[in-house]
């Protein structure tokens, strides 16, 4: 198994452990850390294994970090539909 996939599996396990721990801040600081580690890891997986495996790892990451992705989509939609500034 390539090193990149092993690292991606470790990332998924770490994300699940973080999700199981109680947090007063609703896990947002941990989510930022997972995103900061996940983006370069996704590039490494795609580089080493090809775009199809990269898309599978991307889908796994999005399923784990669904709330940050949802809020990012809402933010982009708000920017696009806002219209010109007056």
N, C-alpha and C. Protein backbone atom coordinates (compact mmCIF):
# COMPACT_ATOMS: atom_id res chain seq x y z
N UNK A 1 0.85 -1.17 0.00
CA UNK A 1 0.00 0.00 0.00
C UNK A 1 0.90 1.24 0.00
N UNK A 2 0.58 2.20 -0.86
CA UNK A 2 1.40 3.41 -0.93
C UNK A 2 1.34 4.22 0.37
N UNK A 3 2.40 4.95 0.61
CA UNK A 3 2.51 5.77 1.82
C UNK A 3 1.38 6.79 1.91
N UNK A 4 0.99 7.34 0.79
CA UNK A 4 -0.06 8.37 0.81
C UNK A 4 -1.38 7.80 1.30
N UNK A 5 -1.71 6.58 0.92
CA UNK A 5 -2.97 5.99 1.38
C UNK A 5 -2.91 5.62 2.86
N UNK A 6 -1.74 5.22 3.33
CA UNK A 6 -1.58 4.96 4.76
C UNK A 6 -1.79 6.25 5.55
N UNK A 7 -1.20 7.34 5.07
CA UNK A 7 -1.39 8.63 5.74
C UNK A 7 -2.84 9.09 5.69
N UNK A 8 -3.52 8.82 4.57
CA UNK A 8 -4.94 9.18 4.48
C UNK A 8 -5.77 8.36 5.46
N UNK A 9 -5.45 7.10 5.64
CA UNK A 9 -6.15 6.27 6.62
C UNK A 9 -5.90 6.77 8.04
N UNK A 10 -4.68 7.18 8.34
CA UNK A 10 -4.37 7.75 9.66
C UNK A 10 -5.15 9.04 9.87
N UNK A 11 -5.28 9.85 8.82
CA UNK A 11 -6.04 11.10 8.90
C UNK A 11 -7.51 10.80 9.23
N UNK A 12 -8.08 9.79 8.57
CA UNK A 12 -9.48 9.42 8.82
C UNK A 12 -9.66 8.92 10.25
N UNK A 13 -8.73 8.11 10.74
CA UNK A 13 -8.82 7.62 12.11
C UNK A 13 -8.71 8.78 13.10
N UNK A 14 -7.78 9.70 12.84
CA UNK A 14 -7.63 10.88 13.72
C UNK A 14 -8.90 11.72 13.71
N UNK A 15 -9.50 11.89 12.55
CA UNK A 15 -10.74 12.68 12.46
C UNK A 15 -11.86 12.03 13.25
N UNK A 16 -11.94 10.71 13.20
CA UNK A 16 -12.98 10.02 13.96
C UNK A 16 -12.74 10.09 15.45
N UNK A 17 -11.49 10.00 15.88
CA UNK A 17 -11.17 10.12 17.30
C UNK A 17 -11.50 11.53 17.78
N UNK A 18 -11.16 12.52 17.00
CA UNK A 18 -11.48 13.92 17.35
C UNK A 18 -12.99 14.11 17.46
N UNK A 19 -13.74 13.50 16.55
CA UNK A 19 -15.20 13.63 16.57
C UNK A 19 -15.82 12.99 17.80
N UNK A 20 -15.17 11.97 18.35
CA UNK A 20 -15.72 11.29 19.52
C UNK A 20 -15.40 11.98 20.83
N UNK A 21 -14.43 12.89 20.83
CA UNK A 21 -14.07 13.58 22.06
C UNK A 21 -15.01 14.76 22.31
N UNK A 22 -15.37 15.01 23.57
CA UNK A 22 -16.23 16.16 23.86
C UNK A 22 -15.48 17.48 23.68
N UNK A 23 -16.20 18.50 23.23
CA UNK A 23 -15.58 19.80 23.00
C UNK A 23 -16.60 20.90 23.26
N UNK A 24 -16.17 21.96 23.93
CA UNK A 24 -17.05 23.09 24.18
C UNK A 24 -17.12 24.02 22.97
N UNK A 25 -16.12 24.00 22.12
CA UNK A 25 -16.07 24.89 20.95
C UNK A 25 -16.64 24.24 19.70
N UNK A 26 -17.33 23.11 19.85
CA UNK A 26 -17.98 22.41 18.73
C UNK A 26 -17.00 21.96 17.65
N UNK A 27 -15.78 21.66 18.01
CA UNK A 27 -14.76 21.05 17.14
C UNK A 27 -14.26 21.94 16.00
N UNK A 28 -14.56 23.22 15.98
CA UNK A 28 -14.10 24.04 14.87
C UNK A 28 -12.58 24.18 14.81
N UNK A 29 -11.87 24.39 15.91
CA UNK A 29 -10.40 24.46 15.80
C UNK A 29 -9.79 23.16 15.27
N UNK A 30 -10.35 22.03 15.70
CA UNK A 30 -9.85 20.75 15.20
C UNK A 30 -10.17 20.58 13.72
N UNK A 31 -11.33 21.07 13.28
CA UNK A 31 -11.69 20.98 11.87
C UNK A 31 -10.71 21.80 11.02
N UNK A 32 -10.32 22.97 11.51
CA UNK A 32 -9.33 23.76 10.76
C UNK A 32 -8.01 23.02 10.64
N UNK A 33 -7.59 22.36 11.70
CA UNK A 33 -6.36 21.57 11.65
C UNK A 33 -6.48 20.40 10.69
N UNK A 34 -7.63 19.72 10.69
CA UNK A 34 -7.83 18.61 9.75
C UNK A 34 -7.82 19.10 8.31
N UNK A 35 -8.40 20.25 8.07
CA UNK A 35 -8.40 20.81 6.71
C UNK A 35 -6.98 21.18 6.29
N UNK A 36 -6.23 21.79 7.21
CA UNK A 36 -4.86 22.18 6.90
C UNK A 36 -3.98 20.97 6.59
N UNK A 37 -4.22 19.87 7.24
CA UNK A 37 -3.46 18.65 6.95
C UNK A 37 -4.04 17.89 5.76
N UNK A 38 -5.34 17.98 5.58
CA UNK A 38 -6.00 17.18 4.54
C UNK A 38 -5.79 17.67 3.13
N UNK A 39 -5.69 18.96 2.93
CA UNK A 39 -5.52 19.49 1.57
C UNK A 39 -4.20 19.05 0.94
N UNK A 40 -3.05 19.22 1.62
CA UNK A 40 -1.81 18.71 1.01
C UNK A 40 -1.79 17.18 0.91
N UNK A 41 -2.42 16.52 1.87
CA UNK A 41 -2.49 15.06 1.81
C UNK A 41 -3.31 14.61 0.62
N UNK A 42 -4.38 15.31 0.32
CA UNK A 42 -5.18 14.98 -0.87
C UNK A 42 -4.37 15.16 -2.14
N UNK A 43 -3.58 16.22 -2.20
CA UNK A 43 -2.70 16.40 -3.36
C UNK A 43 -1.68 15.29 -3.49
N UNK A 44 -1.13 14.86 -2.37
CA UNK A 44 -0.14 13.77 -2.37
C UNK A 44 -0.79 12.45 -2.80
N UNK A 45 -1.99 12.18 -2.32
CA UNK A 45 -2.69 10.96 -2.72
C UNK A 45 -2.99 11.00 -4.21
N UNK A 46 -3.44 12.13 -4.71
CA UNK A 46 -3.76 12.25 -6.14
C UNK A 46 -2.50 12.12 -6.98
N UNK A 47 -1.41 12.70 -6.54
CA UNK A 47 -0.15 12.62 -7.27
C UNK A 47 0.36 11.18 -7.33
N UNK A 48 0.26 10.48 -6.22
CA UNK A 48 0.85 9.14 -6.13
C UNK A 48 -0.07 8.05 -6.69
N UNK A 49 -1.40 8.24 -6.63
CA UNK A 49 -2.32 7.16 -7.00
C UNK A 49 -3.25 7.48 -8.16
N UNK A 50 -3.26 8.71 -8.61
CA UNK A 50 -4.11 9.07 -9.74
C UNK A 50 -5.37 9.80 -9.31
N UNK A 51 -6.07 10.37 -10.29
CA UNK A 51 -7.23 11.22 -9.98
C UNK A 51 -8.43 10.45 -9.43
N UNK A 52 -8.65 9.21 -9.82
CA UNK A 52 -9.81 8.47 -9.34
C UNK A 52 -9.69 8.17 -7.85
N UNK A 53 -8.53 7.74 -7.42
CA UNK A 53 -8.32 7.49 -5.99
C UNK A 53 -8.36 8.82 -5.24
N UNK A 54 -7.83 9.88 -5.85
CA UNK A 54 -7.91 11.20 -5.25
C UNK A 54 -9.34 11.65 -5.03
N UNK A 55 -10.21 11.37 -6.00
CA UNK A 55 -11.63 11.72 -5.84
C UNK A 55 -12.29 10.91 -4.74
N UNK A 56 -11.91 9.65 -4.59
CA UNK A 56 -12.45 8.83 -3.50
C UNK A 56 -12.02 9.37 -2.14
N UNK A 57 -10.75 9.76 -2.03
CA UNK A 57 -10.27 10.33 -0.78
C UNK A 57 -10.92 11.68 -0.52
N UNK A 58 -11.15 12.47 -1.56
CA UNK A 58 -11.86 13.74 -1.42
C UNK A 58 -13.27 13.51 -0.91
N UNK A 59 -13.96 12.52 -1.46
CA UNK A 59 -15.32 12.20 -1.00
C UNK A 59 -15.32 11.76 0.47
N UNK A 60 -14.32 11.00 0.86
CA UNK A 60 -14.22 10.59 2.27
C UNK A 60 -13.99 11.80 3.17
N UNK A 61 -13.13 12.71 2.75
CA UNK A 61 -12.88 13.92 3.54
C UNK A 61 -14.09 14.81 3.64
N UNK A 62 -14.83 14.95 2.55
CA UNK A 62 -16.04 15.78 2.57
C UNK A 62 -17.11 15.16 3.45
N UNK A 63 -17.20 13.82 3.46
CA UNK A 63 -18.20 13.18 4.32
C UNK A 63 -17.85 13.36 5.79
N UNK A 64 -16.57 13.44 6.11
CA UNK A 64 -16.16 13.64 7.50
C UNK A 64 -16.32 15.10 7.90
N UNK A 65 -15.91 16.01 7.03
CA UNK A 65 -15.96 17.45 7.33
C UNK A 65 -17.14 18.11 6.60
N UNK A 66 -18.32 17.56 6.76
CA UNK A 66 -19.47 18.05 5.99
C UNK A 66 -19.91 19.45 6.40
N UNK A 67 -19.83 19.81 7.68
CA UNK A 67 -20.28 21.13 8.09
C UNK A 67 -19.38 22.26 7.58
N UNK A 68 -18.06 22.13 7.66
CA UNK A 68 -17.24 23.20 7.05
C UNK A 68 -17.49 23.33 5.55
N UNK A 69 -17.71 22.22 4.87
CA UNK A 69 -17.99 22.27 3.43
C UNK A 69 -19.33 22.93 3.17
N UNK A 70 -20.33 22.63 3.99
CA UNK A 70 -21.64 23.25 3.83
C UNK A 70 -21.57 24.76 4.05
N UNK A 71 -20.89 25.18 5.11
CA UNK A 71 -20.76 26.62 5.37
C UNK A 71 -19.94 27.32 4.29
N UNK A 72 -18.93 26.66 3.75
CA UNK A 72 -18.15 27.24 2.66
C UNK A 72 -19.02 27.41 1.42
N UNK A 73 -19.85 26.42 1.12
CA UNK A 73 -20.77 26.53 -0.02
C UNK A 73 -21.77 27.66 0.15
N UNK A 74 -22.28 27.83 1.37
CA UNK A 74 -23.21 28.94 1.62
C UNK A 74 -22.51 30.28 1.46
N UNK A 75 -21.26 30.36 1.92
CA UNK A 75 -20.50 31.61 1.80
C UNK A 75 -20.26 31.95 0.33
N UNK A 76 -19.89 30.96 -0.47
CA UNK A 76 -19.68 31.18 -1.91
C UNK A 76 -20.98 31.60 -2.58
N UNK A 77 -22.08 30.93 -2.24
CA UNK A 77 -23.37 31.29 -2.82
C UNK A 77 -23.76 32.73 -2.47
N UNK A 78 -23.49 33.14 -1.21
CA UNK A 78 -23.79 34.51 -0.80
C UNK A 78 -22.95 35.51 -1.58
N UNK A 79 -21.69 35.17 -1.85
CA UNK A 79 -20.83 36.07 -2.62
C UNK A 79 -21.30 36.19 -4.07
N UNK A 80 -21.73 35.08 -4.65
CA UNK A 80 -22.14 35.08 -6.05
C UNK A 80 -23.47 35.78 -6.25
N UNK A 81 -24.42 35.55 -5.36
CA UNK A 81 -25.76 36.12 -5.53
C UNK A 81 -25.91 37.52 -4.95
N UNK A 82 -24.88 38.04 -4.33
CA UNK A 82 -24.96 39.36 -3.70
C UNK A 82 -25.15 40.47 -4.73
N UNK A 83 -24.53 40.34 -5.86
CA UNK A 83 -24.65 41.36 -6.87
C UNK A 83 -23.59 42.44 -6.72
N UNK A 84 -23.63 43.46 -7.57
CA UNK A 84 -22.62 44.52 -7.49
C UNK A 84 -22.79 45.40 -6.26
N UNK A 85 -21.69 45.89 -5.76
CA UNK A 85 -21.72 46.77 -4.60
C UNK A 85 -22.20 48.15 -5.02
N UNK A 86 -22.97 48.76 -4.17
CA UNK A 86 -23.50 50.10 -4.50
C UNK A 86 -22.85 51.17 -3.70
